[in-house]
Amino acid sequence: MATVMKSIGYNATTTLTDVYTCPADTTTTFMFIQSGNRTNNTAAEVTVVWYDASTTTEFALATGTMVSPTGAVIIIKQLVLEEGDKIRASGSVAGILNVVGSFMEQT
């Protein structure tokens, strides 16, 4: 079984967008997902969901969570994804919020 550590980064738009999709024959363990606000004068809301491919259901991890100017919020501390599962994200204002995460893929 091979294990690879990786990170992702996404500049949130106002459209809920796939940020990460778990590859075939892989289990992914996210150690964290957080959102940071890159501005010093505008608060914005972040939405992050987990799409469970086995049930074709989205589960809210954060819905309209306010991120203050130059602030950050932890969305999750650990989450296991299976083949086809996704992390999706959006912001209330485009170009203000980053969504970042660190994870381990096992194949």
N, C-alpha and C. Protein backbone atom coordinates (compact mmCIF):
# COMPACT_ATOMS: atom_id res chain seq x y z
N MET A 1 0.84 -1.18 0.00
CA MET A 1 0.00 0.00 0.00
C MET A 1 0.88 1.24 0.00
N ALA A 2 0.71 2.10 -0.99
CA ALA A 2 1.49 3.33 -1.09
C ALA A 2 0.75 4.48 -0.42
N THR A 3 1.51 5.33 0.26
CA THR A 3 0.94 6.50 0.94
C THR A 3 1.66 7.74 0.45
N VAL A 4 0.86 8.76 0.07
CA VAL A 4 1.42 10.02 -0.41
C VAL A 4 0.75 11.17 0.34
N MET A 5 1.55 12.09 0.87
CA MET A 5 1.02 13.29 1.53
C MET A 5 0.90 14.40 0.50
N LYS A 6 -0.23 15.15 0.53
CA LYS A 6 -0.46 16.22 -0.42
C LYS A 6 -1.21 17.38 0.25
N SER A 7 -1.25 18.49 -0.45
CA SER A 7 -2.03 19.65 -0.04
C SER A 7 -2.78 20.20 -1.24
N ILE A 8 -3.89 20.89 -0.97
CA ILE A 8 -4.65 21.56 -2.02
C ILE A 8 -4.87 23.01 -1.61
N GLY A 9 -5.07 23.85 -2.60
CA GLY A 9 -5.43 25.23 -2.37
C GLY A 9 -6.40 25.67 -3.43
N TYR A 10 -7.41 26.44 -3.03
CA TYR A 10 -8.46 26.87 -3.96
C TYR A 10 -8.85 28.30 -3.62
N ASN A 11 -8.88 29.16 -4.63
CA ASN A 11 -9.38 30.53 -4.46
C ASN A 11 -10.87 30.49 -4.76
N ALA A 12 -11.69 30.62 -3.71
CA ALA A 12 -13.12 30.40 -3.81
C ALA A 12 -13.82 31.41 -4.72
N THR A 13 -14.74 30.88 -5.52
CA THR A 13 -15.65 31.71 -6.33
C THR A 13 -17.02 31.61 -5.69
N THR A 14 -18.00 32.27 -6.28
CA THR A 14 -19.35 32.23 -5.72
C THR A 14 -20.13 30.99 -6.16
N THR A 15 -19.53 30.14 -6.96
CA THR A 15 -20.15 28.91 -7.42
C THR A 15 -19.56 27.72 -6.68
N LEU A 16 -20.41 26.85 -6.14
CA LEU A 16 -19.93 25.65 -5.47
C LEU A 16 -19.15 24.81 -6.48
N THR A 17 -17.86 24.60 -6.21
CA THR A 17 -16.94 24.00 -7.18
C THR A 17 -16.20 22.83 -6.55
N ASP A 18 -15.95 21.78 -7.35
CA ASP A 18 -15.15 20.65 -6.88
C ASP A 18 -13.72 21.13 -6.62
N VAL A 19 -13.26 20.91 -5.41
CA VAL A 19 -11.90 21.28 -5.02
C VAL A 19 -10.99 20.05 -5.04
N TYR A 20 -11.55 18.89 -4.69
CA TYR A 20 -10.78 17.64 -4.66
C TYR A 20 -11.73 16.49 -4.93
N THR A 21 -11.28 15.54 -5.74
CA THR A 21 -12.01 14.30 -5.99
C THR A 21 -11.09 13.13 -5.67
N CYS A 22 -11.56 12.23 -4.82
CA CYS A 22 -10.76 11.07 -4.44
C CYS A 22 -10.60 10.14 -5.64
N PRO A 23 -9.36 9.83 -6.02
CA PRO A 23 -9.11 8.99 -7.20
C PRO A 23 -9.61 7.54 -7.02
N ALA A 24 -9.68 6.82 -8.14
CA ALA A 24 -10.06 5.42 -8.13
C ALA A 24 -9.08 4.60 -7.29
N ASP A 25 -9.60 3.59 -6.63
CA ASP A 25 -8.79 2.66 -5.83
C ASP A 25 -7.94 3.37 -4.78
N THR A 26 -8.49 4.45 -4.20
CA THR A 26 -7.76 5.27 -3.23
C THR A 26 -8.65 5.61 -2.05
N THR A 27 -8.05 5.65 -0.87
CA THR A 27 -8.69 6.20 0.32
C THR A 27 -7.89 7.43 0.71
N THR A 28 -8.59 8.54 0.91
CA THR A 28 -7.94 9.80 1.26
C THR A 28 -8.36 10.22 2.66
N THR A 29 -7.39 10.57 3.49
CA THR A 29 -7.67 11.09 4.82
C THR A 29 -7.22 12.54 4.88
N PHE A 30 -8.19 13.45 4.99
CA PHE A 30 -7.88 14.86 5.19
C PHE A 30 -7.52 15.08 6.65
N MET A 31 -6.39 15.72 6.90
CA MET A 31 -5.99 16.07 8.25
C MET A 31 -6.68 17.36 8.68
N PHE A 32 -6.87 18.27 7.72
CA PHE A 32 -7.60 19.50 8.00
C PHE A 32 -8.04 20.14 6.70
N ILE A 33 -9.09 20.94 6.80
CA ILE A 33 -9.49 21.87 5.74
C ILE A 33 -9.79 23.17 6.47
N GLN A 34 -9.24 24.27 5.96
CA GLN A 34 -9.52 25.57 6.56
C GLN A 34 -9.76 26.59 5.47
N SER A 35 -10.36 27.70 5.86
CA SER A 35 -10.57 28.81 4.94
C SER A 35 -9.96 30.06 5.54
N GLY A 36 -9.25 30.81 4.71
CA GLY A 36 -8.64 32.05 5.14
C GLY A 36 -9.12 33.22 4.29
N ASN A 37 -9.24 34.37 4.91
CA ASN A 37 -9.67 35.59 4.22
C ASN A 37 -8.44 36.41 3.88
N ARG A 38 -8.25 36.70 2.60
CA ARG A 38 -7.04 37.38 2.12
C ARG A 38 -7.12 38.89 2.19
N THR A 39 -8.27 39.44 2.59
CA THR A 39 -8.42 40.89 2.61
C THR A 39 -8.32 41.43 4.03
N ASN A 40 -8.10 42.73 4.14
CA ASN A 40 -8.06 43.34 5.47
C ASN A 40 -9.27 44.23 5.73
N ASN A 41 -10.30 44.15 4.85
CA ASN A 41 -11.45 45.02 5.07
C ASN A 41 -12.81 44.42 4.73
N THR A 42 -12.88 43.17 4.26
CA THR A 42 -14.15 42.59 3.85
C THR A 42 -14.31 41.19 4.44
N ALA A 43 -15.37 40.99 5.23
CA ALA A 43 -15.71 39.66 5.72
C ALA A 43 -16.44 38.92 4.60
N ALA A 44 -16.37 37.60 4.61
CA ALA A 44 -17.06 36.79 3.61
C ALA A 44 -17.45 35.46 4.24
N GLU A 45 -18.45 34.81 3.64
CA GLU A 45 -18.93 33.53 4.12
C GLU A 45 -18.41 32.40 3.23
N VAL A 46 -18.00 31.31 3.86
CA VAL A 46 -17.52 30.15 3.13
C VAL A 46 -18.49 28.98 3.30
N THR A 47 -18.65 28.22 2.24
CA THR A 47 -19.43 26.99 2.27
C THR A 47 -18.53 25.86 1.77
N VAL A 48 -18.47 24.77 2.54
CA VAL A 48 -17.68 23.61 2.15
C VAL A 48 -18.56 22.38 2.38
N VAL A 49 -18.64 21.51 1.37
CA VAL A 49 -19.44 20.29 1.48
C VAL A 49 -18.61 19.08 1.09
N TRP A 50 -19.02 17.94 1.64
CA TRP A 50 -18.46 16.65 1.28
C TRP A 50 -19.52 15.92 0.47
N TYR A 51 -19.15 15.52 -0.75
CA TYR A 51 -20.03 14.72 -1.59
C TYR A 51 -19.65 13.27 -1.41
N ASP A 52 -20.59 12.46 -0.91
CA ASP A 52 -20.37 11.04 -0.70
C ASP A 52 -20.85 10.30 -1.94
N ALA A 53 -19.91 9.81 -2.74
CA ALA A 53 -20.24 9.17 -4.01
C ALA A 53 -21.06 7.89 -3.83
N SER A 54 -20.87 7.19 -2.71
CA SER A 54 -21.57 5.93 -2.50
C SER A 54 -23.07 6.12 -2.29
N THR A 55 -23.47 7.31 -1.82
CA THR A 55 -24.88 7.61 -1.60
C THR A 55 -25.38 8.76 -2.46
N THR A 56 -24.50 9.34 -3.26
CA THR A 56 -24.78 10.54 -4.08
C THR A 56 -25.43 11.65 -3.25
N THR A 57 -24.89 11.86 -2.05
CA THR A 57 -25.43 12.85 -1.11
C THR A 57 -24.35 13.85 -0.73
N GLU A 58 -24.73 15.13 -0.63
CA GLU A 58 -23.81 16.16 -0.12
C GLU A 58 -24.09 16.39 1.36
N PHE A 59 -23.00 16.49 2.13
CA PHE A 59 -23.09 16.77 3.55
C PHE A 59 -22.36 18.08 3.84
N ALA A 60 -23.03 18.99 4.51
CA ALA A 60 -22.44 20.30 4.82
C ALA A 60 -21.37 20.16 5.89
N LEU A 61 -20.20 20.69 5.59
CA LEU A 61 -19.13 20.80 6.59
C LEU A 61 -19.10 22.21 7.16
N ALA A 62 -19.43 23.19 6.32
CA ALA A 62 -19.57 24.59 6.73
C ALA A 62 -20.54 25.24 5.76
N THR A 63 -21.55 25.92 6.28
CA THR A 63 -22.53 26.57 5.42
C THR A 63 -22.66 28.02 5.84
N GLY A 64 -22.19 28.92 5.00
CA GLY A 64 -22.27 30.34 5.32
C GLY A 64 -21.49 30.72 6.55
N THR A 65 -20.37 30.05 6.78
CA THR A 65 -19.52 30.34 7.94
C THR A 65 -18.73 31.62 7.68
N MET A 66 -18.87 32.60 8.56
CA MET A 66 -18.24 33.90 8.38
C MET A 66 -16.74 33.82 8.66
N VAL A 67 -15.96 34.39 7.73
CA VAL A 67 -14.51 34.49 7.89
C VAL A 67 -14.18 35.98 7.90
N SER A 68 -13.72 36.47 9.04
CA SER A 68 -13.45 37.90 9.20
C SER A 68 -12.23 38.32 8.38
N PRO A 69 -12.09 39.62 8.12
CA PRO A 69 -10.93 40.10 7.38
C PRO A 69 -9.62 39.62 8.01
N THR A 70 -8.72 39.12 7.21
CA THR A 70 -7.43 38.53 7.59
C THR A 70 -7.57 37.36 8.55
N GLY A 71 -8.77 36.84 8.73
CA GLY A 71 -9.00 35.72 9.64
C GLY A 71 -9.00 34.38 8.94
N ALA A 72 -9.13 33.33 9.73
CA ALA A 72 -9.21 31.97 9.21
C ALA A 72 -10.10 31.14 10.11
N VAL A 73 -10.73 30.12 9.53
CA VAL A 73 -11.53 29.18 10.32
C VAL A 73 -11.16 27.76 9.91
N ILE A 74 -11.11 26.88 10.90
CA ILE A 74 -10.91 25.46 10.64
C ILE A 74 -12.28 24.88 10.27
N ILE A 75 -12.35 24.21 9.13
CA ILE A 75 -13.61 23.61 8.69
C ILE A 75 -13.72 22.19 9.24
N ILE A 76 -12.70 21.37 9.06
CA ILE A 76 -12.67 20.02 9.62
C ILE A 76 -11.26 19.71 10.09
N LYS A 77 -11.17 18.79 11.03
CA LYS A 77 -9.86 18.34 11.49
C LYS A 77 -9.50 16.97 10.97
N GLN A 78 -10.50 16.16 10.60
CA GLN A 78 -10.19 14.88 9.98
C GLN A 78 -11.43 14.36 9.27
N LEU A 79 -11.23 13.84 8.06
CA LEU A 79 -12.33 13.30 7.26
C LEU A 79 -11.75 12.28 6.29
N VAL A 80 -12.38 11.11 6.20
CA VAL A 80 -11.93 10.05 5.30
C VAL A 80 -12.83 10.03 4.07
N LEU A 81 -12.21 10.05 2.88
CA LEU A 81 -12.93 9.99 1.62
C LEU A 81 -12.60 8.69 0.91
N GLU A 82 -13.58 8.19 0.16
CA GLU A 82 -13.40 7.00 -0.64
C GLU A 82 -13.52 7.36 -2.11
N GLU A 83 -13.21 6.42 -2.97
CA GLU A 83 -13.23 6.63 -4.42
C GLU A 83 -14.46 7.41 -4.88
N GLY A 84 -14.23 8.51 -5.60
CA GLY A 84 -15.31 9.32 -6.16
C GLY A 84 -15.87 10.38 -5.23
N ASP A 85 -15.55 10.31 -3.92
CA ASP A 85 -16.00 11.35 -3.00
C ASP A 85 -15.33 12.67 -3.36
N LYS A 86 -16.00 13.78 -3.02
CA LYS A 86 -15.48 15.11 -3.38
C LYS A 86 -15.56 16.07 -2.21
N ILE A 87 -14.67 17.04 -2.23
CA ILE A 87 -14.78 18.23 -1.40
C ILE A 87 -15.14 19.36 -2.35
N ARG A 88 -16.20 20.11 -2.03
CA ARG A 88 -16.66 21.22 -2.87
C ARG A 88 -16.70 22.47 -2.00
N ALA A 89 -16.45 23.64 -2.61
CA ALA A 89 -16.40 24.88 -1.82
C ALA A 89 -16.86 26.07 -2.64
N SER A 90 -17.31 27.10 -1.92
CA SER A 90 -17.65 28.39 -2.53
C SER A 90 -17.54 29.47 -1.47
N GLY A 91 -17.52 30.72 -1.93
CA GLY A 91 -17.51 31.87 -1.04
C GLY A 91 -18.62 32.83 -1.41
N SER A 92 -19.00 33.67 -0.47
CA SER A 92 -20.07 34.64 -0.74
C SER A 92 -19.59 35.77 -1.64
N VAL A 93 -18.27 35.97 -1.68
CA VAL A 93 -17.66 37.00 -2.53
C VAL A 93 -16.48 36.35 -3.24
N ALA A 94 -16.42 36.46 -4.55
CA ALA A 94 -15.33 35.85 -5.31
C ALA A 94 -14.00 36.54 -5.02
N GLY A 95 -12.93 35.74 -4.98
CA GLY A 95 -11.59 36.29 -4.89
C GLY A 95 -11.14 36.71 -3.51
N ILE A 96 -11.91 36.43 -2.47
CA ILE A 96 -11.54 36.87 -1.12
C ILE A 96 -11.06 35.70 -0.27
N LEU A 97 -11.71 34.55 -0.41
CA LEU A 97 -11.43 33.41 0.46
C LEU A 97 -10.58 32.35 -0.23
N ASN A 98 -9.65 31.79 0.52
CA ASN A 98 -8.90 30.61 0.11
C ASN A 98 -9.43 29.43 0.92
N VAL A 99 -9.48 28.27 0.30
CA VAL A 99 -9.77 27.03 1.01
C VAL A 99 -8.56 26.14 0.80
N VAL A 100 -7.95 25.69 1.90
CA VAL A 100 -6.75 24.87 1.82
C VAL A 100 -6.92 23.62 2.68
N GLY A 101 -6.21 22.59 2.30
CA GLY A 101 -6.27 21.36 3.07
C GLY A 101 -5.02 20.54 2.91
N SER A 102 -4.81 19.65 3.85
CA SER A 102 -3.69 18.73 3.83
C SER A 102 -4.25 17.32 3.99
N PHE A 103 -3.75 16.38 3.17
CA PHE A 103 -4.33 15.05 3.19
C PHE A 103 -3.32 13.99 2.83
N MET A 104 -3.72 12.73 3.07
CA MET A 104 -2.90 11.57 2.77
C MET A 104 -3.72 10.65 1.87
N GLU A 105 -3.15 10.29 0.71
CA GLU A 105 -3.79 9.35 -0.19
C GLU A 105 -3.14 7.98 -0.01
N GLN A 106 -3.97 6.95 0.11
CA GLN A 106 -3.48 5.58 0.24
C GLN A 106 -4.05 4.76 -0.91
N THR A 107 -3.15 4.11 -1.65
CA THR A 107 -3.59 3.27 -2.79
C THR A 107 -3.13 1.85 -2.60
